[in-house]
């Protein structure tokens, strides 16, 4: 029997390939990608045509760390990341993005980042 972690990783890799085959960021509508680790959430806005990261933020970045409280859950912190990335995008003149959930399911912290970005004014 195959190790369940190997099976999970293969499924995640397949999901990521399927998603990235369908979406890409342009200068007019860049890609908002979300990645997560055990303790942190990372969000980037990427222009795939030039291959450049336009904006990036994470729960462990200096800009956000000050606004996060110890008592906040990881999902609440992810929501804050969404709000901050939306603010930074507005400053750069970005209003529309394509959402890339990466290999994660649209659930929990990934959904919280998306909700925060929408609340901050980004359109998907």
PDB file of N, CA and C in Angstrom:
ATOM      1  N   UNK A   1       0.838  -1.183   0.000  1.00  0.00           N
ATOM      2  CA  UNK A   1       0.000   0.000   0.000  1.00  0.00           C
ATOM      3  C   UNK A   1       0.884   1.248   0.000  1.00  0.00           C
ATOM      4  N   UNK A   2       0.501   2.226  -0.791  1.00  0.00           N
ATOM      5  CA  UNK A   2       1.293   3.444  -0.919  1.00  0.00           C
ATOM      6  C   UNK A   2       1.157   4.308   0.336  1.00  0.00           C
ATOM      7  N   UNK A   3       2.212   5.021   0.626  1.00  0.00           N
ATOM      8  CA  UNK A   3       2.204   5.930   1.768  1.00  0.00           C
ATOM      9  C   UNK A   3       1.198   7.045   1.503  1.00  0.00           C
ATOM     10  N   UNK A   4       0.343   7.349   2.464  1.00  0.00           N
ATOM     11  CA  UNK A   4      -0.720   8.339   2.237  1.00  0.00           C
ATOM     12  C   UNK A   4      -0.167   9.735   1.976  1.00  0.00           C
ATOM     13  N   UNK A   5       1.004  10.059   2.509  1.00  0.00           N
ATOM     14  CA  UNK A   5       1.587  11.381   2.258  1.00  0.00           C
ATOM     15  C   UNK A   5       2.047  11.516   0.812  1.00  0.00           C
ATOM     16  N   UNK A   6       2.532  10.437   0.228  1.00  0.00           N
ATOM     17  CA  UNK A   6       2.933  10.458  -1.177  1.00  0.00           C
ATOM     18  C   UNK A   6       1.707  10.643  -2.056  1.00  0.00           C
ATOM     19  N   UNK A   7       0.631   9.960  -1.725  1.00  0.00           N
ATOM     20  CA  UNK A   7      -0.614  10.082  -2.473  1.00  0.00           C
ATOM     21  C   UNK A   7      -1.144  11.513  -2.380  1.00  0.00           C
ATOM     22  N   UNK A   8      -1.112  12.093  -1.176  1.00  0.00           N
ATOM     23  CA  UNK A   8      -1.569  13.471  -0.985  1.00  0.00           C
ATOM     24  C   UNK A   8      -0.743  14.446  -1.822  1.00  0.00           C
ATOM     25  N   UNK A   9       0.566  14.261  -1.812  1.00  0.00           N
ATOM     26  CA  UNK A   9       1.458  15.147  -2.554  1.00  0.00           C
ATOM     27  C   UNK A   9       1.208  15.041  -4.053  1.00  0.00           C
ATOM     28  N   UNK A  10       0.971  13.835  -4.535  1.00  0.00           N
ATOM     29  CA  UNK A  10       0.693  13.649  -5.969  1.00  0.00           C
ATOM     30  C   UNK A  10      -0.621  14.304  -6.364  1.00  0.00           C
ATOM     31  N   UNK A  11      -1.629  14.169  -5.508  1.00  0.00           N
ATOM     32  CA  UNK A  11      -2.915  14.810  -5.786  1.00  0.00           C
ATOM     33  C   UNK A  11      -2.755  16.332  -5.827  1.00  0.00           C
ATOM     34  N   UNK A  12      -1.998  16.862  -4.883  1.00  0.00           N
ATOM     35  CA  UNK A  12      -1.763  18.310  -4.821  1.00  0.00           C
ATOM     36  C   UNK A  12      -1.027  18.784  -6.062  1.00  0.00           C
ATOM     37  N   UNK A  13      -0.046  18.012  -6.492  1.00  0.00           N
ATOM     38  CA  UNK A  13       0.723  18.374  -7.684  1.00  0.00           C
ATOM     39  C   UNK A  13      -0.171  18.370  -8.921  1.00  0.00           C
ATOM     40  N   UNK A  14      -1.055  17.376  -9.019  1.00  0.00           N
ATOM     41  CA  UNK A  14      -1.984  17.301 -10.140  1.00  0.00           C
ATOM     42  C   UNK A  14      -2.937  18.491 -10.139  1.00  0.00           C
ATOM     43  N   UNK A  15      -3.432  18.850  -8.934  1.00  0.00           N
ATOM     44  CA  UNK A  15      -4.321  20.006  -8.810  1.00  0.00           C
ATOM     45  C   UNK A  15      -3.623  21.276  -9.273  1.00  0.00           C
ATOM     46  N   UNK A  16      -2.366  21.438  -8.856  1.00  0.00           N
ATOM     47  CA  UNK A  16      -1.614  22.644  -9.216  1.00  0.00           C
ATOM     48  C   UNK A  16      -1.410  22.737 -10.726  1.00  0.00           C
ATOM     49  N   UNK A  17      -1.052  21.640 -11.366  1.00  0.00           N
ATOM     50  CA  UNK A  17      -0.856  21.644 -12.819  1.00  0.00           C
ATOM     51  C   UNK A  17      -2.146  21.966 -13.550  1.00  0.00           C
ATOM     52  N   UNK A  18      -3.238  21.400 -13.076  1.00  0.00           N
ATOM     53  CA  UNK A  18      -4.541  21.624 -13.707  1.00  0.00           C
ATOM     54  C   UNK A  18      -4.934  23.100 -13.606  1.00  0.00           C
ATOM     55  N   UNK A  19      -4.729  23.680 -12.445  1.00  0.00           N
ATOM     56  CA  UNK A  19      -5.098  25.081 -12.231  1.00  0.00           C
ATOM     57  C   UNK A  19      -4.216  26.005 -13.065  1.00  0.00           C
ATOM     58  N   UNK A  20      -2.908  25.778 -13.027  1.00  0.00           N
ATOM     59  CA  UNK A  20      -1.976  26.662 -13.748  1.00  0.00           C
ATOM     60  C   UNK A  20      -2.103  26.514 -15.258  1.00  0.00           C
ATOM     61  N   UNK A  21      -2.677  25.424 -15.724  1.00  0.00           N
ATOM     62  CA  UNK A  21      -2.915  25.268 -17.149  1.00  0.00           C
ATOM     63  C   UNK A  21      -4.053  26.133 -17.635  1.00  0.00           C
ATOM     64  N   UNK A  22      -4.939  26.500 -16.725  1.00  0.00           N
ATOM     65  CA  UNK A  22      -6.127  27.267 -17.094  1.00  0.00           C
ATOM     66  C   UNK A  22      -5.984  28.773 -16.881  1.00  0.00           C
ATOM     67  N   UNK A  23      -5.136  29.184 -15.936  1.00  0.00           N
ATOM     68  CA  UNK A  23      -5.046  30.609 -15.625  1.00  0.00           C
ATOM     69  C   UNK A  23      -3.624  31.120 -15.765  1.00  0.00           C
ATOM     70  N   UNK A  24      -3.515  32.387 -16.083  1.00  0.00           N
ATOM     71  CA  UNK A  24      -2.224  33.073 -16.055  1.00  0.00           C
ATOM     72  C   UNK A  24      -2.490  34.560 -15.900  1.00  0.00           C
ATOM     73  N   UNK A  25      -1.509  35.266 -15.380  1.00  0.00           N
ATOM     74  CA  UNK A  25      -1.663  36.691 -15.128  1.00  0.00           C
ATOM     75  C   UNK A  25      -1.134  37.520 -16.281  1.00  0.00           C
ATOM     76  N   UNK A  26      -1.839  38.575 -16.592  1.00  0.00           N
ATOM     77  CA  UNK A  26      -1.422  39.520 -17.629  1.00  0.00           C
ATOM     78  C   UNK A  26      -1.148  40.861 -16.955  1.00  0.00           C
ATOM     79  N   UNK A  27      -0.549  41.809 -17.672  1.00  0.00           N
ATOM     80  CA  UNK A  27      -0.331  43.124 -17.045  1.00  0.00           C
ATOM     81  C   UNK A  27      -1.636  43.806 -16.617  1.00  0.00           C
ATOM     82  N   UNK A  28      -2.731  43.600 -17.369  1.00  0.00           N
ATOM     83  CA  UNK A  28      -4.015  44.217 -17.016  1.00  0.00           C
ATOM     84  C   UNK A  28      -4.695  43.480 -15.873  1.00  0.00           C
ATOM     85  N   UNK A  29      -4.529  42.169 -15.831  1.00  0.00           N
ATOM     86  CA  UNK A  29      -5.185  41.336 -14.822  1.00  0.00           C
ATOM     87  C   UNK A  29      -4.183  40.308 -14.296  1.00  0.00           C
ATOM     88  N   UNK A  30      -3.323  40.702 -13.344  1.00  0.00           N
ATOM     89  CA  UNK A  30      -2.300  39.791 -12.836  1.00  0.00           C
ATOM     90  C   UNK A  30      -2.895  38.654 -11.991  1.00  0.00           C
ATOM     91  N   UNK A  31      -2.053  37.718 -11.645  1.00  0.00           N
ATOM     92  CA  UNK A  31      -2.469  36.524 -10.891  1.00  0.00           C
ATOM     93  C   UNK A  31      -2.164  36.723  -9.409  1.00  0.00           C
ATOM     94  N   UNK A  32      -3.169  36.507  -8.577  1.00  0.00           N
ATOM     95  CA  UNK A  32      -2.997  36.536  -7.122  1.00  0.00           C
ATOM     96  C   UNK A  32      -2.854  35.092  -6.668  1.00  0.00           C
ATOM     97  N   UNK A  33      -1.668  34.728  -6.259  1.00  0.00           N
ATOM     98  CA  UNK A  33      -1.421  33.346  -5.833  1.00  0.00           C
ATOM     99  C   UNK A  33      -1.261  33.284  -4.327  1.00  0.00           C
ATOM    100  N   UNK A  34      -1.774  32.213  -3.743  1.00  0.00           N
ATOM    101  CA  UNK A  34      -1.732  32.012  -2.303  1.00  0.00           C
ATOM    102  C   UNK A  34      -1.016  30.703  -2.016  1.00  0.00           C
ATOM    103  N   UNK A  35      -0.076  30.758  -1.099  1.00  0.00           N
ATOM    104  CA  UNK A  35       0.622  29.557  -0.642  1.00  0.00           C
ATOM    105  C   UNK A  35       0.552  29.548   0.875  1.00  0.00           C
ATOM    106  N   UNK A  36       0.586  28.359   1.432  1.00  0.00           N
ATOM    107  CA  UNK A  36       0.529  28.286   2.889  1.00  0.00           C
ATOM    108  C   UNK A  36       1.500  27.241   3.398  1.00  0.00           C
ATOM    109  N   UNK A  37       2.036  27.533   4.569  1.00  0.00           N
ATOM    110  CA  UNK A  37       2.859  26.573   5.276  1.00  0.00           C
ATOM    111  C   UNK A  37       2.106  26.224   6.559  1.00  0.00           C
ATOM    112  N   UNK A  38       2.750  25.544   7.444  1.00  0.00           N
ATOM    113  CA  UNK A  38       2.079  25.146   8.668  1.00  0.00           C
ATOM    114  C   UNK A  38       1.639  26.355   9.499  1.00  0.00           C
ATOM    115  N   UNK A  39       2.484  27.387   9.555  1.00  0.00           N
ATOM    116  CA  UNK A  39       2.185  28.536  10.408  1.00  0.00           C
ATOM    117  C   UNK A  39       1.907  29.836   9.661  1.00  0.00           C
ATOM    118  N   UNK A  40       2.270  29.940   8.398  1.00  0.00           N
ATOM    119  CA  UNK A  40       2.171  31.207   7.679  1.00  0.00           C
ATOM    120  C   UNK A  40       1.395  31.072   6.380  1.00  0.00           C
ATOM    121  N   UNK A  41       0.919  32.220   5.901  1.00  0.00           N
ATOM    122  CA  UNK A  41       0.234  32.306   4.624  1.00  0.00           C
ATOM    123  C   UNK A  41       0.957  33.355   3.799  1.00  0.00           C
ATOM    124  N   UNK A  42       1.188  33.063   2.527  1.00  0.00           N
ATOM    125  CA  UNK A  42       1.912  33.947   1.635  1.00  0.00           C
ATOM    126  C   UNK A  42       1.020  34.309   0.455  1.00  0.00           C
ATOM    127  N   UNK A  43       1.022  35.570   0.053  1.00  0.00           N
ATOM    128  CA  UNK A  43       0.234  36.011  -1.092  1.00  0.00           C
ATOM    129  C   UNK A  43       1.130  36.849  -2.002  1.00  0.00           C
ATOM    130  N   UNK A  44       1.026  36.588  -3.306  1.00  0.00           N
ATOM    131  CA  UNK A  44       1.805  37.339  -4.293  1.00  0.00           C
ATOM    132  C   UNK A  44       0.897  37.728  -5.442  1.00  0.00           C
ATOM    133  N   UNK A  45       1.178  38.871  -6.026  1.00  0.00           N
ATOM    134  CA  UNK A  45       0.522  39.268  -7.268  1.00  0.00           C
ATOM    135  C   UNK A  45       1.590  39.226  -8.349  1.00  0.00           C
ATOM    136  N   UNK A  46       1.345  38.409  -9.378  1.00  0.00           N
ATOM    137  CA  UNK A  46       2.360  38.098 -10.380  1.00  0.00           C
ATOM    138  C   UNK A  46       1.868  38.438 -11.778  1.00  0.00           C
ATOM    139  N   UNK A  47       2.763  39.028 -12.574  1.00  0.00           N
ATOM    140  CA  UNK A  47       2.540  39.240 -14.002  1.00  0.00           C
ATOM    141  C   UNK A  47       3.274  38.117 -14.728  1.00  0.00           C
ATOM    142  N   UNK A  48       2.526  37.148 -15.271  1.00  0.00           N
ATOM    143  CA  UNK A  48       3.142  35.983 -15.905  1.00  0.00           C
ATOM    144  C   UNK A  48       3.757  36.293 -17.262  1.00  0.00           C
ATOM    145  N   UNK A  49       3.312  37.347 -17.920  1.00  0.00           N
ATOM    146  CA  UNK A  49       3.868  37.699 -19.227  1.00  0.00           C
ATOM    147  C   UNK A  49       5.329  38.114 -19.077  1.00  0.00           C
ATOM    148  N   UNK A  50       5.594  38.970 -18.090  1.00  0.00           N
ATOM    149  CA  UNK A  50       6.968  39.413 -17.832  1.00  0.00           C
ATOM    150  C   UNK A  50       7.701  38.460 -16.884  1.00  0.00           C
ATOM    151  N   UNK A  51       6.957  37.652 -16.161  1.00  0.00           N
ATOM    152  CA  UNK A  51       7.557  36.760 -15.184  1.00  0.00           C
ATOM    153  C   UNK A  51       8.056  37.505 -13.961  1.00  0.00           C
ATOM    154  N   UNK A  52       7.260  38.475 -13.501  1.00  0.00           N
ATOM    155  CA  UNK A  52       7.677  39.355 -12.415  1.00  0.00           C
ATOM    156  C   UNK A  52       6.644  39.332 -11.294  1.00  0.00           C
ATOM    157  N   UNK A  53       7.127  39.297 -10.059  1.00  0.00           N
ATOM    158  CA  UNK A  53       6.252  39.455  -8.902  1.00  0.00           C
ATOM    159  C   UNK A  53       6.071  40.942  -8.656  1.00  0.00           C
ATOM    160  N   UNK A  54       4.833  41.396  -8.734  1.00  0.00           N
ATOM    161  CA  UNK A  54       4.540  42.816  -8.560  1.00  0.00           C
ATOM    162  C   UNK A  54       4.438  43.190  -7.080  1.00  0.00           C
ATOM    163  N   UNK A  55       3.777  42.353  -6.303  1.00  0.00           N
ATOM    164  CA  UNK A  55       3.584  42.586  -4.875  1.00  0.00           C
ATOM    165  C   UNK A  55       3.666  41.265  -4.132  1.00  0.00           C
ATOM    166  N   UNK A  56       4.061  41.322  -2.900  1.00  0.00           N
ATOM    167  CA  UNK A  56       4.069  40.122  -2.068  1.00  0.00           C
ATOM    168  C   UNK A  56       3.901  40.510  -0.611  1.00  0.00           C
ATOM    169  N   UNK A  57       3.228  39.664   0.122  1.00  0.00           N
ATOM    170  CA  UNK A  57       3.091  39.847   1.553  1.00  0.00           C
ATOM    171  C   UNK A  57       2.839  38.490   2.198  1.00  0.00           C
ATOM    172  N   UNK A  58       3.050  38.419   3.491  1.00  0.00           N
ATOM    173  CA  UNK A  58       2.868  37.174   4.228  1.00  0.00           C
ATOM    174  C   UNK A  58       2.595  37.481   5.689  1.00  0.00           C
ATOM    175  N   UNK A  59       2.155  36.485   6.410  1.00  0.00           N
ATOM    176  CA  UNK A  59       1.873  36.698   7.833  1.00  0.00           C
ATOM    177  C   UNK A  59       3.146  36.965   8.616  1.00  0.00           C
ATOM    178  N   UNK A  60       4.292  36.579   8.091  1.00  0.00           N
ATOM    179  CA  UNK A  60       5.543  36.822   8.815  1.00  0.00           C
ATOM    180  C   UNK A  60       6.311  38.028   8.271  1.00  0.00           C
ATOM    181  N   UNK A  61       5.696  38.836   7.400  1.00  0.00           N
ATOM    182  CA  UNK A  61       6.360  40.036   6.895  1.00  0.00           C
ATOM    183  C   UNK A  61       6.251  41.156   7.927  1.00  0.00           C
ATOM    184  N   UNK A  62       7.190  42.086   7.867  1.00  0.00           N
ATOM    185  CA  UNK A  62       7.246  43.169   8.855  1.00  0.00           C
ATOM    186  C   UNK A  62       5.999  44.038   8.830  1.00  0.00           C
ATOM    187  N   UNK A  63       5.437  44.263   7.630  1.00  0.00           N
ATOM    188  CA  UNK A  63       4.275  45.137   7.495  1.00  0.00           C
ATOM    189  C   UNK A  63       3.044  44.585   8.215  1.00  0.00           C
ATOM    190  N   UNK A  64       2.902  43.308   8.247  1.00  0.00           N
ATOM    191  CA  UNK A  64       1.699  42.697   8.831  1.00  0.00           C
ATOM    192  C   UNK A  64       1.909  42.259  10.273  1.00  0.00           C
ATOM    193  N   UNK A  65       3.113  41.856  10.605  1.00  0.00           N
ATOM    194  CA  UNK A  65       3.375  41.301  11.938  1.00  0.00           C
ATOM    195  C   UNK A  65       2.905  42.219  13.065  1.00  0.00           C
ATOM    196  N   UNK A  66       3.043  43.528  12.855  1.00  0.00           N
ATOM    197  CA  UNK A  66       2.659  44.489  13.893  1.00  0.00           C
ATOM    198  C   UNK A  66       1.149  44.501  14.121  1.00  0.00           C
ATOM    199  N   UNK A  67       0.368  44.311  13.038  1.00  0.00           N
ATOM    200  CA  UNK A  67      -1.091  44.388  13.159  1.00  0.00           C
ATOM    201  C   UNK A  67      -1.719  43.077  13.641  1.00  0.00           C
ATOM    202  N   UNK A  68      -0.951  42.005  13.642  1.00  0.00           N
ATOM    203  CA  UNK A  68      -1.487  40.714  14.084  1.00  0.00           C
ATOM    204  C   UNK A  68      -1.337  40.568  15.591  1.00  0.00           C
ATOM    205  N   UNK A  69      -2.349  39.984  16.197  1.00  0.00           N
ATOM    206  CA  UNK A  69      -2.326  39.760  17.632  1.00  0.00           C
ATOM    207  C   UNK A  69      -2.052  38.289  17.913  1.00  0.00           C
ATOM    208  N   UNK A  70      -1.518  38.016  19.075  1.00  0.00           N
ATOM    209  CA  UNK A  70      -1.222  36.629  19.466  1.00  0.00           C
ATOM    210  C   UNK A  70      -2.482  35.775  19.530  1.00  0.00           C
ATOM    211  N   UNK A  71      -3.586  36.386  19.914  1.00  0.00           N
ATOM    212  CA  UNK A  71      -4.827  35.623  20.112  1.00  0.00           C
ATOM    213  C   UNK A  71      -5.554  35.303  18.801  1.00  0.00           C
ATOM    214  N   UNK A  72      -5.105  35.869  17.678  1.00  0.00           N
ATOM    215  CA  UNK A  72      -5.766  35.628  16.395  1.00  0.00           C
ATOM    216  C   UNK A  72      -5.506  34.204  15.917  1.00  0.00           C
ATOM    217  N   UNK A  73      -6.512  33.631  15.261  1.00  0.00           N
ATOM    218  CA  UNK A  73      -6.331  32.305  14.677  1.00  0.00           C
ATOM    219  C   UNK A  73      -5.592  32.445  13.350  1.00  0.00           C
ATOM    220  N   UNK A  74      -5.143  31.330  12.805  1.00  0.00           N
ATOM    221  CA  UNK A  74      -4.424  31.364  11.527  1.00  0.00           C
ATOM    222  C   UNK A  74      -5.338  31.845  10.407  1.00  0.00           C
ATOM    223  N   UNK A  75      -6.615  31.522  10.488  1.00  0.00           N
ATOM    224  CA  UNK A  75      -7.575  31.959   9.478  1.00  0.00           C
ATOM    225  C   UNK A  75      -7.780  33.467   9.549  1.00  0.00           C
ATOM    226  N   UNK A  76      -7.838  34.022  10.735  1.00  0.00           N
ATOM    227  CA  UNK A  76      -7.985  35.471  10.887  1.00  0.00           C
ATOM    228  C   UNK A  76      -6.740  36.190  10.370  1.00  0.00           C
ATOM    229  N   UNK A  77      -5.582  35.613  10.616  1.00  0.00           N
ATOM    230  CA  UNK A  77      -4.346  36.193  10.100  1.00  0.00           C
ATOM    231  C   UNK A  77      -4.325  36.154   8.578  1.00  0.00           C
ATOM    232  N   UNK A  78      -4.834  35.069   7.993  1.00  0.00           N
ATOM    233  CA  UNK A  78      -4.903  34.953   6.530  1.00  0.00           C
ATOM    234  C   UNK A  78      -5.829  36.019   5.953  1.00  0.00           C
ATOM    235  N   UNK A  79      -6.926  36.301   6.659  1.00  0.00           N
ATOM    236  CA  UNK A  79      -7.855  37.356   6.225  1.00  0.00           C
ATOM    237  C   UNK A  79      -7.136  38.707   6.191  1.00  0.00           C
ATOM    238  N   UNK A  80      -6.316  38.967   7.196  1.00  0.00           N
ATOM    239  CA  UNK A  80      -5.526  40.202   7.242  1.00  0.00           C
ATOM    240  C   UNK A  80      -4.563  40.284   6.062  1.00  0.00           C
ATOM    241  N   UNK A  81      -3.962  39.158   5.699  1.00  0.00           N
ATOM    242  CA  UNK A  81      -3.054  39.133   4.547  1.00  0.00           C
ATOM    243  C   UNK A  81      -3.814  39.544   3.289  1.00  0.00           C
ATOM    244  N   UNK A  82      -5.038  39.053   3.141  1.00  0.00           N
ATOM    245  CA  UNK A  82      -5.870  39.432   1.997  1.00  0.00           C
ATOM    246  C   UNK A  82      -6.170  40.919   1.968  1.00  0.00           C
ATOM    247  N   UNK A  83      -6.478  41.475   3.121  1.00  0.00           N
ATOM    248  CA  UNK A  83      -6.756  42.915   3.193  1.00  0.00           C
ATOM    249  C   UNK A  83      -5.519  43.737   2.828  1.00  0.00           C
ATOM    250  N   UNK A  84      -4.365  43.328   3.332  1.00  0.00           N
ATOM    251  CA  UNK A  84      -3.125  44.076   3.080  1.00  0.00           C
ATOM    252  C   UNK A  84      -2.718  43.976   1.615  1.00  0.00           C
ATOM    253  N   UNK A  85      -2.835  42.804   1.014  1.00  0.00           N
ATOM    254  CA  UNK A  85      -2.452  42.653  -0.396  1.00  0.00           C
ATOM    255  C   UNK A  85      -3.383  43.487  -1.273  1.00  0.00           C
ATOM    256  N   UNK A  86      -4.651  43.607  -0.875  1.00  0.00           N
ATOM    257  CA  UNK A  86      -5.595  44.445  -1.629  1.00  0.00           C
ATOM    258  C   UNK A  86      -5.209  45.922  -1.519  1.00  0.00           C
ATOM    259  N   UNK A  87      -4.807  46.352  -0.325  1.00  0.00           N
ATOM    260  CA  UNK A  87      -4.364  47.741  -0.141  1.00  0.00           C
ATOM    261  C   UNK A  87      -3.140  48.042  -1.002  1.00  0.00           C
ATOM    262  N   UNK A  88      -2.155  47.138  -0.957  1.00  0.00           N
ATOM    263  CA  UNK A  88      -0.937  47.328  -1.748  1.00  0.00           C
ATOM    264  C   UNK A  88      -1.244  47.348  -3.243  1.00  0.00           C
ATOM    265  N   UNK A  89      -2.186  46.509  -3.657  1.00  0.00           N
ATOM    266  CA  UNK A  89      -2.567  46.469  -5.070  1.00  0.00           C
ATOM    267  C   UNK A  89      -3.237  47.773  -5.496  1.00  0.00           C
ATOM    268  N   UNK A  90      -4.091  48.303  -4.636  1.00  0.00           N
ATOM    269  CA  UNK A  90      -4.749  49.578  -4.942  1.00  0.00           C
ATOM    270  C   UNK A  90      -3.730  50.689  -5.121  1.00  0.00           C
ATOM    271  N   UNK A  91      -2.697  50.704  -4.274  1.00  0.00           N
ATOM    272  CA  UNK A  91      -1.653  51.723  -4.377  1.00  0.00           C
ATOM    273  C   UNK A  91      -0.915  51.629  -5.712  1.00  0.00           C
ATOM    274  N   UNK A  92      -0.777  50.423  -6.236  1.00  0.00           N
ATOM    275  CA  UNK A  92      -0.105  50.223  -7.531  1.00  0.00           C
ATOM    276  C   UNK A  92      -1.060  50.344  -8.706  1.00  0.00           C
ATOM    277  N   UNK A  93      -2.350  50.543  -8.441  1.00  0.00           N
ATOM    278  CA  UNK A  93      -3.322  50.714  -9.510  1.00  0.00           C
ATOM    279  C   UNK A  93      -3.879  49.405 -10.043  1.00  0.00           C
ATOM    280  N   UNK A  94      -3.792  48.343  -9.281  1.00  0.00           N
ATOM    281  CA  UNK A  94      -4.322  47.040  -9.694  1.00  0.00           C
ATOM    282  C   UNK A  94      -5.689  46.855  -9.046  1.00  0.00           C
ATOM    283  N   UNK A  95      -6.722  46.619  -9.870  1.00  0.00           N
ATOM    284  CA  UNK A  95      -8.061  46.414  -9.335  1.00  0.00           C
ATOM    285  C   UNK A  95      -8.611  45.031  -9.643  1.00  0.00           C
ATOM    286  N   UNK A  96      -8.166  44.434 -10.757  1.00  0.00           N
ATOM    287  CA  UNK A  96      -8.644  43.105 -11.152  1.00  0.00           C
ATOM    288  C   UNK A  96      -7.500  42.112 -11.092  1.00  0.00           C
ATOM    289  N   UNK A  97      -7.779  40.927 -10.556  1.00  0.00           N
ATOM    290  CA  UNK A  97      -6.786  39.858 -10.505  1.00  0.00           C
ATOM    291  C   UNK A  97      -7.458  38.524 -10.839  1.00  0.00           C
ATOM    292  N   UNK A  98      -6.621  37.548 -11.168  1.00  0.00           N
ATOM    293  CA  UNK A  98      -7.070  36.174 -11.330  1.00  0.00           C
ATOM    294  C   UNK A  98      -6.595  35.432 -10.095  1.00  0.00           C
ATOM    295  N   UNK A  99      -7.478  34.716  -9.422  1.00  0.00           N
ATOM    296  CA  UNK A  99      -7.112  34.047  -8.172  1.00  0.00           C
ATOM    297  C   UNK A  99      -6.536  32.669  -8.461  1.00  0.00           C
ATOM    298  N   UNK A 100      -5.373  32.405  -7.882  1.00  0.00           N
ATOM    299  CA  UNK A 100      -4.695  31.116  -8.020  1.00  0.00           C
ATOM    300  C   UNK A 100      -4.553  30.518  -6.635  1.00  0.00           C
ATOM    301  N   UNK A 101      -5.295  29.460  -6.373  1.00  0.00           N
ATOM    302  CA  UNK A 101      -5.255  28.834  -5.051  1.00  0.00           C
ATOM    303  C   UNK A 101      -4.085  27.887  -4.915  1.00  0.00           C
ATOM    304  N   UNK A 102      -3.283  27.775  -5.974  1.00  0.00           N
ATOM    305  CA  UNK A 102      -2.101  26.932  -5.996  1.00  0.00           C
ATOM    306  C   UNK A 102      -2.529  25.483  -5.875  1.00  0.00           C
ATOM    307  N   UNK A 103      -1.927  24.713  -5.010  1.00  0.00           N
ATOM    308  CA  UNK A 103      -2.302  23.314  -4.894  1.00  0.00           C
ATOM    309  C   UNK A 103      -3.254  23.053  -3.737  1.00  0.00           C
ATOM    310  N   UNK A 104      -3.635  24.099  -3.048  1.00  0.00           N
ATOM    311  CA  UNK A 104      -4.531  23.964  -1.907  1.00  0.00           C
ATOM    312  C   UNK A 104      -5.976  23.984  -2.368  1.00  0.00           C
ATOM    313  N   UNK A 105      -6.836  23.411  -1.550  1.00  0.00           N
ATOM    314  CA  UNK A 105      -8.251  23.476  -1.845  1.00  0.00           C
ATOM    315  C   UNK A 105      -8.784  24.847  -1.417  1.00  0.00           C
ATOM    316  N   UNK A 106      -9.835  25.313  -2.060  1.00  0.00           N
ATOM    317  CA  UNK A 106     -10.425  26.615  -1.727  1.00  0.00           C
ATOM    318  C   UNK A 106     -11.240  26.437  -0.451  1.00  0.00           C
ATOM    319  N   UNK A 107     -10.528  26.552   0.667  1.00  0.00           N
ATOM    320  CA  UNK A 107     -11.125  26.217   1.950  1.00  0.00           C
ATOM    321  C   UNK A 107     -10.235  26.783   3.040  1.00  0.00           C
ATOM    322  N   UNK A 108     -10.820  27.204   4.130  1.00  0.00           N
ATOM    323  CA  UNK A 108     -10.033  27.638   5.278  1.00  0.00           C
ATOM    324  C   UNK A 108      -9.221  28.895   5.026  1.00  0.00           C
ATOM    325  N   UNK A 109      -7.891  28.785   5.197  1.00  0.00           N
ATOM    326  CA  UNK A 109      -7.011  29.951   5.092  1.00  0.00           C
ATOM    327  C   UNK A 109      -6.946  30.501   3.674  1.00  0.00           C
ATOM    328  N   UNK A 110      -7.011  29.640   2.674  1.00  0.00           N
ATOM    329  CA  UNK A 110      -6.977  30.107   1.279  1.00  0.00           C
ATOM    330  C   UNK A 110      -8.226  30.932   0.990  1.00  0.00           C
ATOM    331  N   UNK A 111      -9.363  30.451   1.449  1.00  0.00           N
ATOM    332  CA  UNK A 111     -10.620  31.180   1.263  1.00  0.00           C
ATOM    333  C   UNK A 111     -10.595  32.492   2.045  1.00  0.00           C
ATOM    334  N   UNK A 112      -9.988  32.489   3.214  1.00  0.00           N
ATOM    335  CA  UNK A 112      -9.908  33.701   4.033  1.00  0.00           C
ATOM    336  C   UNK A 112      -9.091  34.782   3.333  1.00  0.00           C
ATOM    337  N   UNK A 113      -8.006  34.407   2.669  1.00  0.00           N
ATOM    338  CA  UNK A 113      -7.205  35.373   1.905  1.00  0.00           C
ATOM    339  C   UNK A 113      -8.052  35.948   0.777  1.00  0.00           C
ATOM    340  N   UNK A 114      -8.778  35.090   0.064  1.00  0.00           N
ATOM    341  CA  UNK A 114      -9.627  35.552  -1.039  1.00  0.00           C
ATOM    342  C   UNK A 114     -10.713  36.503  -0.533  1.00  0.00           C
ATOM    343  N   UNK A 115     -11.349  36.148   0.568  1.00  0.00           N
ATOM    344  CA  UNK A 115     -12.397  37.006   1.134  1.00  0.00           C
ATOM    345  C   UNK A 115     -11.828  38.354   1.572  1.00  0.00           C
ATOM    346  N   UNK A 116     -10.651  38.329   2.182  1.00  0.00           N
ATOM    347  CA  UNK A 116     -10.007  39.571   2.600  1.00  0.00           C
ATOM    348  C   UNK A 116      -9.636  40.449   1.410  1.00  0.00           C
ATOM    349  N   UNK A 117      -9.156  39.830   0.344  1.00  0.00           N
ATOM    350  CA  UNK A 117      -8.798  40.593  -0.850  1.00  0.00           C
ATOM    351  C   UNK A 117     -10.035  41.207  -1.494  1.00  0.00           C
ATOM    352  N   UNK A 118     -11.126  40.450  -1.534  1.00  0.00           N
ATOM    353  CA  UNK A 118     -12.390  40.991  -2.077  1.00  0.00           C
ATOM    354  C   UNK A 118     -12.895  42.140  -1.208  1.00  0.00           C
ATOM    355  N   UNK A 119     -12.809  41.959   0.096  1.00  0.00           N
ATOM    356  CA  UNK A 119     -13.243  42.987   1.032  1.00  0.00           C
ATOM    357  C   UNK A 119     -12.388  44.248   0.867  1.00  0.00           C
ATOM    358  N   UNK A 120     -11.111  44.052   0.547  1.00  0.00           N
ATOM    359  CA  UNK A 120     -10.197  45.171   0.345  1.00  0.00           C
ATOM    360  C   UNK A 120     -10.399  45.902  -0.979  1.00  0.00           C
ATOM    361  N   UNK A 121     -11.197  45.312  -1.883  1.00  0.00           N
ATOM    362  CA  UNK A 121     -11.509  46.007  -3.125  1.00  0.00           C
ATOM    363  C   UNK A 121     -11.016  45.351  -4.392  1.00  0.00           C
ATOM    364  N   UNK A 122     -10.371  44.199  -4.315  1.00  0.00           N
ATOM    365  CA  UNK A 122      -9.939  43.515  -5.533  1.00  0.00           C
ATOM    366  C   UNK A 122     -11.105  42.768  -6.151  1.00  0.00           C
ATOM    367  N   UNK A 123     -11.131  42.727  -7.465  1.00  0.00           N
ATOM    368  CA  UNK A 123     -12.162  41.985  -8.190  1.00  0.00           C
ATOM    369  C   UNK A 123     -11.523  40.753  -8.814  1.00  0.00           C
ATOM    370  N   UNK A 124     -12.192  39.613  -8.665  1.00  0.00           N
ATOM    371  CA  UNK A 124     -11.686  38.365  -9.223  1.00  0.00           C
ATOM    372  C   UNK A 124     -12.420  38.059 -10.507  1.00  0.00           C
TER     373      UNK A 124
END
